[in-house]
C-alpha atoms as a PDB file:
ATOM      1  CA  MET A   1      45.900-136.409 -11.940  1.00  0.00           C
ATOM      2  CA  ALA A   2      47.710-138.277  -9.158  1.00  0.00           C
ATOM      3  CA  GLY A   3      50.422-136.981  -6.848  1.00  0.00           C
ATOM      4  CA  HIS A   4      52.706-138.143  -4.050  1.00  0.00           C
ATOM      5  CA  SER A   5      51.827-138.804  -0.433  1.00  0.00           C
ATOM      6  CA  LYS A   6      52.616-135.401   1.034  1.00  0.00           C
ATOM      7  CA  TRP A   7      50.154-134.667   3.847  1.00  0.00           C
ATOM      8  CA  ALA A   8      52.728-135.293   6.578  1.00  0.00           C
ATOM      9  CA  ASN A   9      55.058-132.876   4.794  1.00  0.00           C
ATOM     10  CA  ILE A  10      52.331-130.236   4.608  1.00  0.00           C
ATOM     11  CA  LYS A  11      51.556-130.642   8.319  1.00  0.00           C
ATOM     12  CA  HIS A  12      55.257-130.216   9.090  1.00  0.00           C
ATOM     13  CA  ARG A  13      55.352-126.967   7.111  1.00  0.00           C
ATOM     14  CA  LYS A  14      52.247-125.638   8.844  1.00  0.00           C
ATOM     15  CA  ALA A  15      53.588-126.499  12.298  1.00  0.00           C
ATOM     16  CA  ALA A  16      56.904-124.806  11.513  1.00  0.00           C
ATOM     17  CA  ALA A  17      55.104-121.683  10.306  1.00  0.00           C
ATOM     18  CA  ASP A  18      52.848-121.593  13.376  1.00  0.00           C
ATOM     19  CA  ALA A  19      55.911-121.844  15.620  1.00  0.00           C
ATOM     20  CA  LYS A  20      57.412-118.773  13.941  1.00  0.00           C
ATOM     21  CA  LYS A  21      54.429-116.441  13.870  1.00  0.00           C
ATOM     22  CA  SER A  22      56.574-113.334  14.391  1.00  0.00           C
ATOM     23  CA  LYS A  23      58.693-114.195  11.351  1.00  0.00           C
ATOM     24  CA  VAL A  24      55.586-114.862   9.259  1.00  0.00           C
ATOM     25  CA  THR A  25      54.222-111.462  10.278  1.00  0.00           C
ATOM     26  CA  THR A  26      57.461-109.695   9.335  1.00  0.00           C
ATOM     27  CA  ARG A  27      57.563-111.406   5.955  1.00  0.00           C
ATOM     28  CA  VAL A  28      53.983-110.626   5.051  1.00  0.00           C
ATOM     29  CA  VAL A  29      54.398-106.955   6.016  1.00  0.00           C
ATOM     30  CA  LYS A  30      57.460-106.755   3.744  1.00  0.00           C
ATOM     31  CA  GLU A  31      55.451-108.412   0.959  1.00  0.00           C
ATOM     32  CA  ILE A  32      52.683-105.812   1.374  1.00  0.00           C
ATOM     33  CA  SER A  33      55.208-102.984   1.019  1.00  0.00           C
ATOM     34  CA  ILE A  34      56.781-104.403  -2.144  1.00  0.00           C
ATOM     35  CA  ALA A  35      53.388-105.265  -3.659  1.00  0.00           C
ATOM     36  CA  ALA A  36      52.050-101.766  -2.960  1.00  0.00           C
ATOM     37  CA  LYS A  37      54.725-100.270  -5.225  1.00  0.00           C
ATOM     38  CA  ALA A  38      52.431-101.231  -8.118  1.00  0.00           C
ATOM     39  CA  GLY A  39      49.519 -99.347  -6.508  1.00  0.00           C
ATOM     40  CA  GLY A  40      47.823 -99.173  -3.130  1.00  0.00           C
ATOM     41  CA  ASP A  41      44.316-100.228  -4.221  1.00  0.00           C
ATOM     42  CA  ILE A  42      43.821-103.905  -3.308  1.00  0.00           C
ATOM     43  CA  ASN A  43      40.972-104.204  -5.828  1.00  0.00           C
ATOM     44  CA  ALA A  44      43.263-103.181  -8.683  1.00  0.00           C
ATOM     45  CA  ASN A  45      46.413-104.933  -7.424  1.00  0.00           C
ATOM     46  CA  PRO A  46      46.003-108.742  -7.096  1.00  0.00           C
ATOM     47  CA  ARG A  47      49.420-109.226  -5.515  1.00  0.00           C
ATOM     48  CA  LEU A  48      48.650-106.640  -2.843  1.00  0.00           C
ATOM     49  CA  ARG A  49      45.232-108.149  -2.199  1.00  0.00           C
ATOM     50  CA  LEU A  50      46.815-111.574  -1.714  1.00  0.00           C
ATOM     51  CA  ALA A  51      49.402-110.165   0.707  1.00  0.00           C
ATOM     52  CA  VAL A  52      46.754-108.289   2.697  1.00  0.00           C
ATOM     53  CA  ASP A  53      44.576-111.412   2.883  1.00  0.00           C
ATOM     54  CA  LYS A  54      47.547-113.381   4.222  1.00  0.00           C
ATOM     55  CA  ALA A  55      48.246-110.651   6.772  1.00  0.00           C
ATOM     56  CA  ARG A  56      44.657-110.794   8.000  1.00  0.00           C
ATOM     57  CA  GLU A  57      44.807-114.590   8.257  1.00  0.00           C
ATOM     58  CA  ASN A  58      47.855-114.161  10.502  1.00  0.00           C
ATOM     59  CA  ASN A  59      46.110-111.520  12.647  1.00  0.00           C
ATOM     60  CA  VAL A  60      48.389-108.658  11.602  1.00  0.00           C
ATOM     61  CA  PRO A  61      46.871-105.439  13.042  1.00  0.00           C
ATOM     62  CA  LYS A  62      45.050-103.202  10.565  1.00  0.00           C
ATOM     63  CA  ASP A  63      47.339-100.244  11.368  1.00  0.00           C
ATOM     64  CA  ASN A  64      50.408-102.310  10.473  1.00  0.00           C
ATOM     65  CA  ILE A  65      48.843-103.278   7.145  1.00  0.00           C
ATOM     66  CA  GLU A  66      47.946 -99.676   6.318  1.00  0.00           C
ATOM     67  CA  ARG A  67      51.417 -98.408   7.199  1.00  0.00           C
ATOM     68  CA  ALA A  68      53.026-101.087   5.038  1.00  0.00           C
ATOM     69  CA  ILE A  69      50.859-100.050   2.082  1.00  0.00           C
ATOM     70  CA  LYS A  70      51.770 -96.388   2.581  1.00  0.00           C
ATOM     71  CA  ARG A  71      55.475 -97.237   2.748  1.00  0.00           C
ATOM     72  CA  GLY A  72      55.151 -99.115  -0.510  1.00  0.00           C
ATOM     73  CA  THR A  73      53.326 -96.301  -2.288  1.00  0.00           C
ATOM     74  CA  GLY A  74      55.765 -93.714  -0.939  1.00  0.00           C
ATOM     75  CA  GLU A  75      53.331 -91.947   1.373  1.00  0.00           C
ATOM     76  CA  LEU A  76      55.517 -92.889   4.329  1.00  0.00           C
ATOM     77  CA  GLU A  77      59.278 -93.155   4.508  1.00  0.00           C
ATOM     78  CA  GLY A  78      60.674 -96.603   5.130  1.00  0.00           C
ATOM     79  CA  VAL A  79      63.128 -99.284   4.069  1.00  0.00           C
ATOM     80  CA  ASN A  80      63.358 -99.785   0.316  1.00  0.00           C
ATOM     81  CA  TYR A  81      63.276-103.526  -0.341  1.00  0.00           C
ATOM     82  CA  GLU A  82      64.591-105.232  -3.476  1.00  0.00           C
ATOM     83  CA  GLU A  83      63.376-108.585  -4.799  1.00  0.00           C
ATOM     84  CA  ILE A  84      66.055-111.199  -5.475  1.00  0.00           C
ATOM     85  CA  ARG A  85      65.620-114.812  -6.607  1.00  0.00           C
ATOM     86  CA  PHE A  86      68.351-117.407  -6.084  1.00  0.00           C
ATOM     87  CA  GLU A  87      68.404-120.761  -7.839  1.00  0.00           C
ATOM     88  CA  GLY A  88      70.466-123.776  -6.977  1.00  0.00           C
ATOM     89  CA  TYR A  89      70.640-127.444  -6.096  1.00  0.00           C
ATOM     90  CA  GLY A  90      69.942-129.256  -2.868  1.00  0.00           C
ATOM     91  CA  ILE A  91      70.671-132.810  -1.758  1.00  0.00           C
ATOM     92  CA  GLY A  92      70.751-135.248  -4.666  1.00  0.00           C
ATOM     93  CA  GLY A  93      70.536-132.419  -7.169  1.00  0.00           C
ATOM     94  CA  ALA A  94      67.021-131.368  -6.168  1.00  0.00           C
ATOM     95  CA  GLY A  95      66.052-128.003  -7.628  1.00  0.00           C
ATOM     96  CA  VAL A  96      65.730-125.132  -5.128  1.00  0.00           C
ATOM     97  CA  ILE A  97      64.394-121.591  -5.544  1.00  0.00           C
ATOM     98  CA  VAL A  98      64.939-119.047  -2.753  1.00  0.00           C
ATOM     99  CA  ASP A  99      62.950-115.795  -3.039  1.00  0.00           C
ATOM    100  CA  CYS A 100      64.162-112.852  -0.952  1.00  0.00           C
ATOM    101  CA  LEU A 101      63.254-109.266  -0.122  1.00  0.00           C
ATOM    102  CA  THR A 102      66.284-107.304   1.050  1.00  0.00           C
ATOM    103  CA  ASP A 103      67.635-103.841   1.747  1.00  0.00           C
ATOM    104  CA  ASN A 104      71.218-105.121   1.390  1.00  0.00           C
ATOM    105  CA  LYS A 105      71.849-107.356  -1.614  1.00  0.00           C
ATOM    106  CA  THR A 106      75.496-108.049  -0.697  1.00  0.00           C
ATOM    107  CA  ARG A 107      74.484-109.397   2.724  1.00  0.00           C
ATOM    108  CA  THR A 108      71.706-111.544   1.287  1.00  0.00           C
ATOM    109  CA  VAL A 109      73.887-113.092  -1.416  1.00  0.00           C
ATOM    110  CA  ALA A 110      76.512-114.005   1.182  1.00  0.00           C
ATOM    111  CA  GLU A 111      73.970-115.536   3.577  1.00  0.00           C
ATOM    112  CA  VAL A 112      72.194-117.613   0.931  1.00  0.00           C
ATOM    113  CA  ARG A 113      75.480-118.822  -0.556  1.00  0.00           C
ATOM    114  CA  HIS A 114      76.714-119.793   2.923  1.00  0.00           C
ATOM    115  CA  ALA A 115      73.538-121.790   3.628  1.00  0.00           C
ATOM    116  CA  PHE A 116      73.846-123.686   0.345  1.00  0.00           C
ATOM    117  CA  ASN A 117      77.502-124.512   0.988  1.00  0.00           C
ATOM    118  CA  LYS A 118      77.155-125.414   4.678  1.00  0.00           C
ATOM    119  CA  PHE A 119      74.269-127.834   4.231  1.00  0.00           C
ATOM    120  CA  GLY A 120      75.286-129.738   1.133  1.00  0.00           C
ATOM    121  CA  GLY A 121      73.775-127.692  -1.668  1.00  0.00           C
ATOM    122  CA  ASN A 122      75.143-125.543  -4.467  1.00  0.00           C
ATOM    123  CA  LEU A 123      74.141-122.023  -5.507  1.00  0.00           C
ATOM    124  CA  GLY A 124      73.517-121.991  -9.259  1.00  0.00           C
ATOM    125  CA  THR A 125      73.032-119.392 -11.958  1.00  0.00           C
ATOM    126  CA  ASP A 126      69.851-117.550 -12.916  1.00  0.00           C
ATOM    127  CA  GLY A 127      67.515-119.907 -14.779  1.00  0.00           C
ATOM    128  CA  CYS A 128      69.323-123.112 -13.840  1.00  0.00           C
ATOM    129  CA  VAL A 129      66.261-124.671 -12.156  1.00  0.00           C
ATOM    130  CA  SER A 130      63.340-122.238 -12.608  1.00  0.00           C
ATOM    131  CA  PHE A 131      62.333-123.996 -15.842  1.00  0.00           C
ATOM    132  CA  GLN A 132      61.382-126.972 -13.637  1.00  0.00           C
ATOM    133  CA  PHE A 133      58.708-124.916 -11.848  1.00  0.00           C
ATOM    134  CA  LYS A 134      55.367-123.339 -12.751  1.00  0.00           C
ATOM    135  CA  HIS A 135      54.035-120.123 -11.200  1.00  0.00           C
ATOM    136  CA  CYS A 136      50.525-120.994 -10.033  1.00  0.00           C
ATOM    137  CA  GLY A 137      47.962-120.883  -7.271  1.00  0.00           C
ATOM    138  CA  GLN A 138      47.811-123.946  -5.003  1.00  0.00           C
ATOM    139  CA  ILE A 139      44.865-124.692  -2.710  1.00  0.00           C
ATOM    140  CA  ILE A 140      45.355-127.802  -0.549  1.00  0.00           C
ATOM    141  CA  PHE A 141      42.645-129.765   1.255  1.00  0.00           C
ATOM    142  CA  ALA A 142      43.052-132.395   3.963  1.00  0.00           C
ATOM    143  CA  PRO A 143      42.377-136.082   3.271  1.00  0.00           C
ATOM    144  CA  GLY A 144      38.758-137.152   3.646  1.00  0.00           C
ATOM    145  CA  LEU A 145      37.112-134.551   1.414  1.00  0.00           C
ATOM    146  CA  ASN A 146      34.731-135.746  -1.309  1.00  0.00           C
ATOM    147  CA  GLU A 147      37.007-135.857  -4.322  1.00  0.00           C
ATOM    148  CA  ASP A 148      34.292-135.754  -6.994  1.00  0.00           C
ATOM    149  CA  LYS A 149      32.417-132.836  -5.439  1.00  0.00           C
ATOM    150  CA  LEU A 150      35.567-130.744  -5.063  1.00  0.00           C
ATOM    151  CA  MET A 151      36.723-131.555  -8.582  1.00  0.00           C
ATOM    152  CA  ASP A 152      33.367-130.618 -10.111  1.00  0.00           C
ATOM    153  CA  ALA A 153      33.188-127.372  -8.144  1.00  0.00           C
ATOM    154  CA  ALA A 154      36.801-126.350  -8.798  1.00  0.00           C
ATOM    155  CA  LEU A 155      36.748-126.972 -12.526  1.00  0.00           C
ATOM    156  CA  GLU A 156      33.379-125.230 -12.881  1.00  0.00           C
ATOM    157  CA  ILE A 157      34.773-122.163 -11.093  1.00  0.00           C
ATOM    158  CA  GLY A 158      37.801-122.022 -13.386  1.00  0.00           C
ATOM    159  CA  ALA A 159      40.616-124.008 -11.758  1.00  0.00           C
ATOM    160  CA  ASP A 160      43.263-125.456 -14.071  1.00  0.00           C
ATOM    161  CA  ASP A 161      43.571-128.863 -12.419  1.00  0.00           C
ATOM    162  CA  VAL A 162      42.749-130.951  -9.345  1.00  0.00           C
ATOM    163  CA  ILE A 163      45.487-133.298  -8.085  1.00  0.00           C
ATOM    164  CA  VAL A 164      44.643-136.320  -5.945  1.00  0.00           C
ATOM    165  CA  ASN A 165      47.602-137.307  -3.777  1.00  0.00           C
ATOM    166  CA  ASP A 166      48.285-140.872  -2.685  1.00  0.00           C
ATOM    167  CA  ASP A 167      47.376-140.047   0.920  1.00  0.00           C
ATOM    168  CA  GLY A 168      43.970-138.607  -0.013  1.00  0.00           C
ATOM    169  CA  SER A 169      44.879-134.922   0.206  1.00  0.00           C
ATOM    170  CA  LEU A 170      43.671-132.807  -2.710  1.00  0.00           C
ATOM    171  CA  GLU A 171      45.299-129.892  -4.517  1.00  0.00           C
ATOM    172  CA  VAL A 172      43.442-127.377  -6.650  1.00  0.00           C
ATOM    173  CA  ILE A 173      45.758-125.636  -9.128  1.00  0.00           C
ATOM    174  CA  THR A 174      44.923-122.245 -10.646  1.00  0.00           C
ATOM    175  CA  ALA A 175      46.481-119.539 -12.756  1.00  0.00           C
ATOM    176  CA  PRO A 176      47.973-116.885 -10.431  1.00  0.00           C
ATOM    177  CA  SER A 177      45.428-114.337 -11.653  1.00  0.00           C
ATOM    178  CA  ASP A 178      42.515-116.687 -10.858  1.00  0.00           C
ATOM    179  CA  PHE A 179      43.752-117.792  -7.432  1.00  0.00           C
ATOM    180  CA  ILE A 180      41.798-115.396  -5.203  1.00  0.00           C
ATOM    181  CA  GLU A 181      38.523-115.857  -7.089  1.00  0.00           C
ATOM    182  CA  VAL A 182      38.750-119.666  -7.107  1.00  0.00           C
ATOM    183  CA  LYS A 183      39.715-119.777  -3.407  1.00  0.00           C
ATOM    184  CA  ASN A 184      36.845-117.463  -2.421  1.00  0.00           C
ATOM    185  CA  GLN A 185      34.284-119.320  -4.523  1.00  0.00           C
ATOM    186  CA  LEU A 186      35.335-122.688  -3.086  1.00  0.00           C
ATOM    187  CA  GLU A 187      34.990-121.287   0.448  1.00  0.00           C
ATOM    188  CA  LYS A 188      31.463-120.100  -0.395  1.00  0.00           C
ATOM    189  CA  LYS A 189      30.677-123.669  -1.462  1.00  0.00           C
ATOM    190  CA  GLY A 190      31.929-125.003   1.879  1.00  0.00           C
ATOM    191  CA  PHE A 191      35.423-126.145   0.848  1.00  0.00           C
ATOM    192  CA  LYS A 192      37.851-124.803   3.472  1.00  0.00           C
ATOM    193  CA  ALA A 193      41.513-125.126   2.501  1.00  0.00           C
ATOM    194  CA  GLU A 194      44.344-126.071   4.860  1.00  0.00           C
ATOM    195  CA  VAL A 195      46.941-124.235   2.768  1.00  0.00           C
ATOM    196  CA  ALA A 196      46.313-121.674   0.021  1.00  0.00           C
ATOM    197  CA  GLU A 197      49.034-119.637  -1.673  1.00  0.00           C
ATOM    198  CA  VAL A 198      50.560-118.579  -4.966  1.00  0.00           C
ATOM    199  CA  ILE A 199      53.760-120.570  -5.379  1.00  0.00           C
ATOM    200  CA  MET A 200      56.403-121.896  -7.726  1.00  0.00           C
ATOM    201  CA  LYS A 201      55.253-125.521  -8.082  1.00  0.00           C
ATOM    202  CA  ALA A 202      57.644-128.181  -9.313  1.00  0.00           C
ATOM    203  CA  ASP A 203      56.594-129.819 -12.579  1.00  0.00           C
ATOM    204  CA  ASN A 204      58.152-133.105 -11.501  1.00  0.00           C
ATOM    205  CA  GLU A 205      58.669-133.859  -7.825  1.00  0.00           C
ATOM    206  CA  SER A 206      61.079-136.414  -6.379  1.00  0.00           C
ATOM    207  CA  VAL A 207      60.493-138.171  -3.054  1.00  0.00           C
ATOM    208  CA  MET A 208      63.265-138.164  -0.463  1.00  0.00           C
ATOM    209  CA  VAL A 209      63.283-140.465   2.567  1.00  0.00           C
ATOM    210  CA  GLY A 210      65.614-141.343   5.413  1.00  0.00           C
ATOM    211  CA  ASP A 211      68.958-139.576   5.775  1.00  0.00           C
ATOM    212  CA  GLU A 212      68.578-137.818   2.421  1.00  0.00           C
ATOM    213  CA  ALA A 213      65.284-136.254   3.535  1.00  0.00           C
ATOM    214  CA  LEU A 214      66.794-135.167   6.862  1.00  0.00           C
ATOM    215  CA  ARG A 215      69.733-133.497   5.133  1.00  0.00           C
ATOM    216  CA  MET A 216      67.423-131.725   2.701  1.00  0.00           C
ATOM    217  CA  GLN A 217      65.230-130.521   5.564  1.00  0.00           C
ATOM    218  CA  LYS A 218      68.285-129.019   7.293  1.00  0.00           C
ATOM    219  CA  LEU A 219      69.097-127.093   4.120  1.00  0.00           C
ATOM    220  CA  LEU A 220      65.530-125.797   3.794  1.00  0.00           C
ATOM    221  CA  ASP A 221      65.449-124.859   7.489  1.00  0.00           C
ATOM    222  CA  ALA A 222      68.703-122.929   7.062  1.00  0.00           C
ATOM    223  CA  PHE A 223      67.102-120.788   4.370  1.00  0.00           C
ATOM    224  CA  ASP A 224      63.996-120.286   6.477  1.00  0.00           C
ATOM    225  CA  GLU A 225      66.099-118.924   9.336  1.00  0.00           C
ATOM    226  CA  LEU A 226      67.425-116.077   7.176  1.00  0.00           C
ATOM    227  CA  ASP A 227      65.604-112.791   7.741  1.00  0.00           C
ATOM    228  CA  ASP A 228      65.716-111.789   4.055  1.00  0.00           C
ATOM    229  CA  VAL A 229      64.129-115.026   2.789  1.00  0.00           C
ATOM    230  CA  GLN A 230      60.439-114.835   1.899  1.00  0.00           C
ATOM    231  CA  ASP A 231      59.768-118.222   0.276  1.00  0.00           C
ATOM    232  CA  VAL A 232      61.626-121.421  -0.580  1.00  0.00           C
ATOM    233  CA  TYR A 233      60.523-123.901  -3.255  1.00  0.00           C
ATOM    234  CA  THR A 234      61.981-127.281  -4.153  1.00  0.00           C
ATOM    235  CA  THR A 235      61.406-130.229  -6.443  1.00  0.00           C
ATOM    236  CA  ALA A 236      61.911-132.516  -3.438  1.00  0.00           C
ATOM    237  CA  VAL A 237      59.025-133.998  -1.440  1.00  0.00           C
ATOM    238  CA  LEU A 238      60.301-135.034   1.973  1.00  0.00           C
ATOM    239  CA  GLU A 239      58.746-138.061   3.644  1.00  0.00           C
ATOM    240  CA  PHE A 240      59.451-138.932   7.263  1.00  0.00           C
ATOM    241  CA  ASP A 241      58.301-141.828   9.413  1.00  0.00           C
ATOM    242  CA  GLU A 242      55.561-140.483  11.694  1.00  0.00           C
ATOM    243  CA  GLU A 243      56.181-141.206  15.334  1.00  0.00           C
END
């Protein structure tokens, strides 16, 4: 299966995340707490295991991880977070999903609505764009990897699909429940991913360039600046001229 040229976009996302390490740490600790509500055993709770793995990748101290788990299971007192998903439209009608964890729903609704309105989008109703996305695991590899070897290994392990993008980057797609196993098995075979996460992946992506891409990026950045926002997904693929 073929996909768009998106490596520059992926590098942009990684650079933005690296520049905001403290925010990434805060978000992953909140995710651990909410995931631990379903049980504090990482071997029996895939969502918690994924959150803990992400925390370790971002060098979150072990004590912080353990405290977050205990807050989630109720062993320690702490903030009670609620999960909220917003759906709406960005520039050119692109679908946007904004996932939040909040201790104040009224504040979060106001902030997300303001970001949509200020930067040219529109907050929609529940279900207005989510049908355009699939919940799945996504494991992305940089251009230059042997396509046939990765495809054979991934499909043998149990991946759902391998996407070859126009720029040579490769995406392995899995069911959410298979994500950790496929990722770990690929690493054992020597395939080290650049990005690996469980996401809402757009079924059909649309490329944005020029002014349209810049405006869409401003909208996405506005969401990312909000403390209650955990993840943002869009049907848009933004392409910029590399300097």
